[in-house]
Amino acid sequence: MHLFEANDHVGDPERYLYDKLLISPSTLRYCKVFSDLVNLFTSLDGYSICEIGGGYGGQCRIIDAGSPLNEYTW
């Protein structure tokens, strides 16, 4: 399983096939935000992040899967 696919095991979202990867559009959006943050800050390792309006925690799940954070609050 791809590192970020586990995000789609919560809530049974509609998933689509993108380049041989079955994933939801929301998870792709969370991956895009994670990519933007890494491009801005080079690495998120050890960062503390506060997300406003975190919903069910999907963005947190994606960032946590990709970088070892110090703290994540939503």
N, C-alpha and C. Protein backbone atom coordinates (compact mmCIF):
# COMPACT_ATOMS: atom_id res chain seq x y z
N MET A 1 0.84 -1.18 0.00
CA MET A 1 0.00 0.00 0.00
C MET A 1 0.89 1.25 0.00
N HIS A 2 0.50 2.23 -0.75
CA HIS A 2 1.21 3.50 -0.80
C HIS A 2 1.12 4.19 0.56
N LEU A 3 2.13 4.95 0.91
CA LEU A 3 2.24 5.60 2.21
C LEU A 3 1.00 6.41 2.60
N PHE A 4 0.37 7.08 1.64
CA PHE A 4 -0.74 7.97 1.96
C PHE A 4 -2.12 7.35 1.75
N GLU A 5 -2.18 6.16 1.16
CA GLU A 5 -3.48 5.51 0.92
C GLU A 5 -4.24 5.17 2.20
N ALA A 6 -3.54 4.97 3.29
CA ALA A 6 -4.19 4.61 4.56
C ALA A 6 -5.18 5.68 5.00
N ASN A 7 -4.98 6.90 4.54
CA ASN A 7 -5.88 8.00 4.87
C ASN A 7 -7.31 7.70 4.41
N ASP A 8 -7.45 6.93 3.37
CA ASP A 8 -8.77 6.63 2.80
C ASP A 8 -9.49 5.49 3.51
N HIS A 9 -8.91 4.95 4.57
CA HIS A 9 -9.58 3.90 5.33
C HIS A 9 -10.54 4.47 6.36
N VAL A 10 -10.59 5.79 6.49
CA VAL A 10 -11.50 6.46 7.41
C VAL A 10 -12.66 7.05 6.60
N GLY A 11 -13.88 6.66 6.90
CA GLY A 11 -15.05 7.25 6.26
C GLY A 11 -15.43 6.69 4.91
N ASP A 12 -14.69 5.73 4.38
CA ASP A 12 -15.00 5.10 3.10
C ASP A 12 -15.26 6.12 1.98
N PRO A 13 -14.30 7.01 1.69
CA PRO A 13 -14.51 8.02 0.65
C PRO A 13 -14.52 7.41 -0.76
N GLU A 14 -15.11 8.12 -1.67
CA GLU A 14 -15.08 7.74 -3.08
C GLU A 14 -13.63 7.84 -3.55
N ARG A 15 -13.13 6.77 -4.17
CA ARG A 15 -11.75 6.76 -4.64
C ARG A 15 -11.71 6.56 -6.14
N TYR A 16 -10.68 7.09 -6.76
CA TYR A 16 -10.51 7.02 -8.21
C TYR A 16 -9.11 6.55 -8.53
N LEU A 17 -8.94 5.99 -9.71
CA LEU A 17 -7.65 5.50 -10.14
C LEU A 17 -6.86 6.61 -10.81
N TYR A 18 -5.72 6.96 -10.22
CA TYR A 18 -4.81 7.97 -10.77
C TYR A 18 -3.46 7.30 -10.98
N ASP A 19 -3.08 7.12 -12.21
CA ASP A 19 -1.77 6.55 -12.52
C ASP A 19 -1.49 5.30 -11.68
N LYS A 20 -2.41 4.35 -11.70
CA LYS A 20 -2.31 3.07 -11.00
C LYS A 20 -2.43 3.17 -9.48
N LEU A 21 -2.88 4.30 -8.97
CA LEU A 21 -3.05 4.51 -7.54
C LEU A 21 -4.52 4.81 -7.26
N LEU A 22 -5.18 3.97 -6.47
CA LEU A 22 -6.58 4.17 -6.10
C LEU A 22 -6.61 5.04 -4.85
N ILE A 23 -7.09 6.28 -5.01
CA ILE A 23 -7.00 7.26 -3.92
C ILE A 23 -8.13 8.29 -4.06
N SER A 24 -8.53 8.89 -2.93
CA SER A 24 -9.61 9.88 -2.98
C SER A 24 -9.05 11.26 -3.36
N PRO A 25 -9.88 12.09 -3.97
CA PRO A 25 -9.45 13.45 -4.30
C PRO A 25 -9.05 14.25 -3.05
N SER A 26 -9.71 14.02 -1.93
CA SER A 26 -9.35 14.74 -0.69
C SER A 26 -7.94 14.38 -0.24
N THR A 27 -7.61 13.11 -0.31
CA THR A 27 -6.25 12.69 0.07
C THR A 27 -5.23 13.29 -0.88
N LEU A 28 -5.54 13.36 -2.15
CA LEU A 28 -4.62 14.02 -3.10
C LEU A 28 -4.42 15.49 -2.74
N ARG A 29 -5.49 16.15 -2.33
CA ARG A 29 -5.38 17.56 -1.92
C ARG A 29 -4.50 17.68 -0.68
N TYR A 30 -4.68 16.78 0.30
CA TYR A 30 -3.84 16.80 1.49
C TYR A 30 -2.37 16.57 1.12
N CYS A 31 -2.12 15.71 0.17
CA CYS A 31 -0.75 15.46 -0.30
C CYS A 31 -0.17 16.71 -0.95
N LYS A 32 -1.00 17.44 -1.69
CA LYS A 32 -0.56 18.68 -2.32
C LYS A 32 -0.16 19.72 -1.27
N VAL A 33 -0.98 19.86 -0.23
CA VAL A 33 -0.66 20.81 0.85
C VAL A 33 0.65 20.39 1.52
N PHE A 34 0.81 19.10 1.80
CA PHE A 34 2.05 18.61 2.40
C PHE A 34 3.24 18.93 1.50
N SER A 35 3.10 18.70 0.22
CA SER A 35 4.16 19.01 -0.75
C SER A 35 4.49 20.50 -0.74
N ASP A 36 3.47 21.35 -0.70
CA ASP A 36 3.70 22.80 -0.64
C ASP A 36 4.48 23.19 0.61
N LEU A 37 4.12 22.60 1.76
CA LEU A 37 4.82 22.90 3.01
C LEU A 37 6.29 22.47 2.94
N VAL A 38 6.54 21.29 2.39
CA VAL A 38 7.91 20.81 2.26
C VAL A 38 8.70 21.71 1.31
N ASN A 39 8.06 22.15 0.23
CA ASN A 39 8.75 23.06 -0.70
C ASN A 39 9.07 24.40 -0.05
N LEU A 40 8.21 24.87 0.83
CA LEU A 40 8.44 26.15 1.51
C LEU A 40 9.49 26.05 2.61
N PHE A 41 9.46 24.94 3.37
CA PHE A 41 10.31 24.82 4.55
C PHE A 41 11.42 23.78 4.43
N THR A 42 11.58 23.18 3.27
CA THR A 42 12.57 22.14 2.98
C THR A 42 12.27 20.83 3.71
N SER A 43 12.03 20.89 5.02
CA SER A 43 11.70 19.71 5.81
C SER A 43 10.78 20.14 6.95
N LEU A 44 9.90 19.24 7.35
CA LEU A 44 9.01 19.52 8.48
C LEU A 44 9.46 18.75 9.72
N ASP A 45 10.57 18.05 9.63
CA ASP A 45 11.07 17.25 10.75
C ASP A 45 11.25 18.11 11.99
N GLY A 46 10.60 17.71 13.08
CA GLY A 46 10.72 18.40 14.34
C GLY A 46 9.87 19.65 14.50
N TYR A 47 9.09 19.99 13.48
CA TYR A 47 8.24 21.18 13.55
C TYR A 47 7.04 20.94 14.45
N SER A 48 6.48 22.02 14.97
CA SER A 48 5.19 22.01 15.65
C SER A 48 4.22 22.74 14.73
N ILE A 49 3.11 22.11 14.42
CA ILE A 49 2.14 22.67 13.48
C ILE A 49 0.80 22.82 14.18
N CYS A 50 0.12 23.94 13.91
CA CYS A 50 -1.23 24.16 14.40
C CYS A 50 -2.12 24.37 13.18
N GLU A 51 -3.09 23.50 12.99
CA GLU A 51 -4.02 23.59 11.86
C GLU A 51 -5.34 24.16 12.37
N ILE A 52 -5.82 25.18 11.71
CA ILE A 52 -7.10 25.79 12.08
C ILE A 52 -8.20 25.13 11.24
N GLY A 53 -9.23 24.62 11.91
CA GLY A 53 -10.32 23.95 11.19
C GLY A 53 -9.90 22.59 10.69
N GLY A 54 -9.32 21.79 11.56
CA GLY A 54 -8.72 20.51 11.17
C GLY A 54 -9.67 19.41 10.77
N GLY A 55 -10.96 19.58 10.93
CA GLY A 55 -11.90 18.54 10.52
C GLY A 55 -11.64 17.22 11.22
N TYR A 56 -11.54 16.13 10.44
CA TYR A 56 -11.36 14.80 11.03
C TYR A 56 -9.88 14.43 11.20
N GLY A 57 -8.96 15.28 10.74
CA GLY A 57 -7.53 15.03 10.92
C GLY A 57 -6.83 14.44 9.71
N GLY A 58 -7.44 14.51 8.56
CA GLY A 58 -6.83 13.95 7.35
C GLY A 58 -5.51 14.59 6.99
N GLN A 59 -5.42 15.92 7.11
CA GLN A 59 -4.17 16.61 6.79
C GLN A 59 -3.09 16.21 7.79
N CYS A 60 -3.47 16.10 9.05
CA CYS A 60 -2.54 15.66 10.09
C CYS A 60 -2.00 14.27 9.76
N ARG A 61 -2.86 13.38 9.35
CA ARG A 61 -2.46 12.00 9.01
C ARG A 61 -1.43 11.98 7.89
N ILE A 62 -1.65 12.80 6.87
CA ILE A 62 -0.73 12.84 5.73
C ILE A 62 0.62 13.42 6.13
N ILE A 63 0.61 14.53 6.86
CA ILE A 63 1.86 15.14 7.28
C ILE A 63 2.62 14.20 8.21
N ASP A 64 1.91 13.57 9.14
CA ASP A 64 2.54 12.65 10.08
C ASP A 64 3.17 11.45 9.37
N ALA A 65 2.53 10.99 8.30
CA ALA A 65 3.07 9.86 7.54
C ALA A 65 4.34 10.25 6.78
N GLY A 66 4.48 11.53 6.47
CA GLY A 66 5.61 11.97 5.65
C GLY A 66 6.76 12.61 6.41
N SER A 67 6.52 13.08 7.64
CA SER A 67 7.56 13.77 8.41
C SER A 67 7.38 13.51 9.90
N PRO A 68 8.48 13.27 10.61
CA PRO A 68 8.37 13.15 12.05
C PRO A 68 8.25 14.53 12.69
N LEU A 69 7.06 14.86 13.15
CA LEU A 69 6.79 16.18 13.74
C LEU A 69 7.04 16.16 15.24
N ASN A 70 7.24 17.33 15.80
CA ASN A 70 7.33 17.48 17.24
C ASN A 70 5.93 17.49 17.85
N GLU A 71 5.02 18.23 17.19
CA GLU A 71 3.65 18.39 17.72
C GLU A 71 2.72 18.82 16.60
N TYR A 72 1.48 18.33 16.65
CA TYR A 72 0.45 18.74 15.68
C TYR A 72 -0.82 19.01 16.46
N THR A 73 -1.35 20.20 16.34
CA THR A 73 -2.57 20.58 17.05
C THR A 73 -3.61 21.01 16.03
N TRP A 74 -4.86 20.54 16.25
CA TRP A 74 -5.98 21.01 15.42
C TRP A 74 -7.22 21.13 16.23
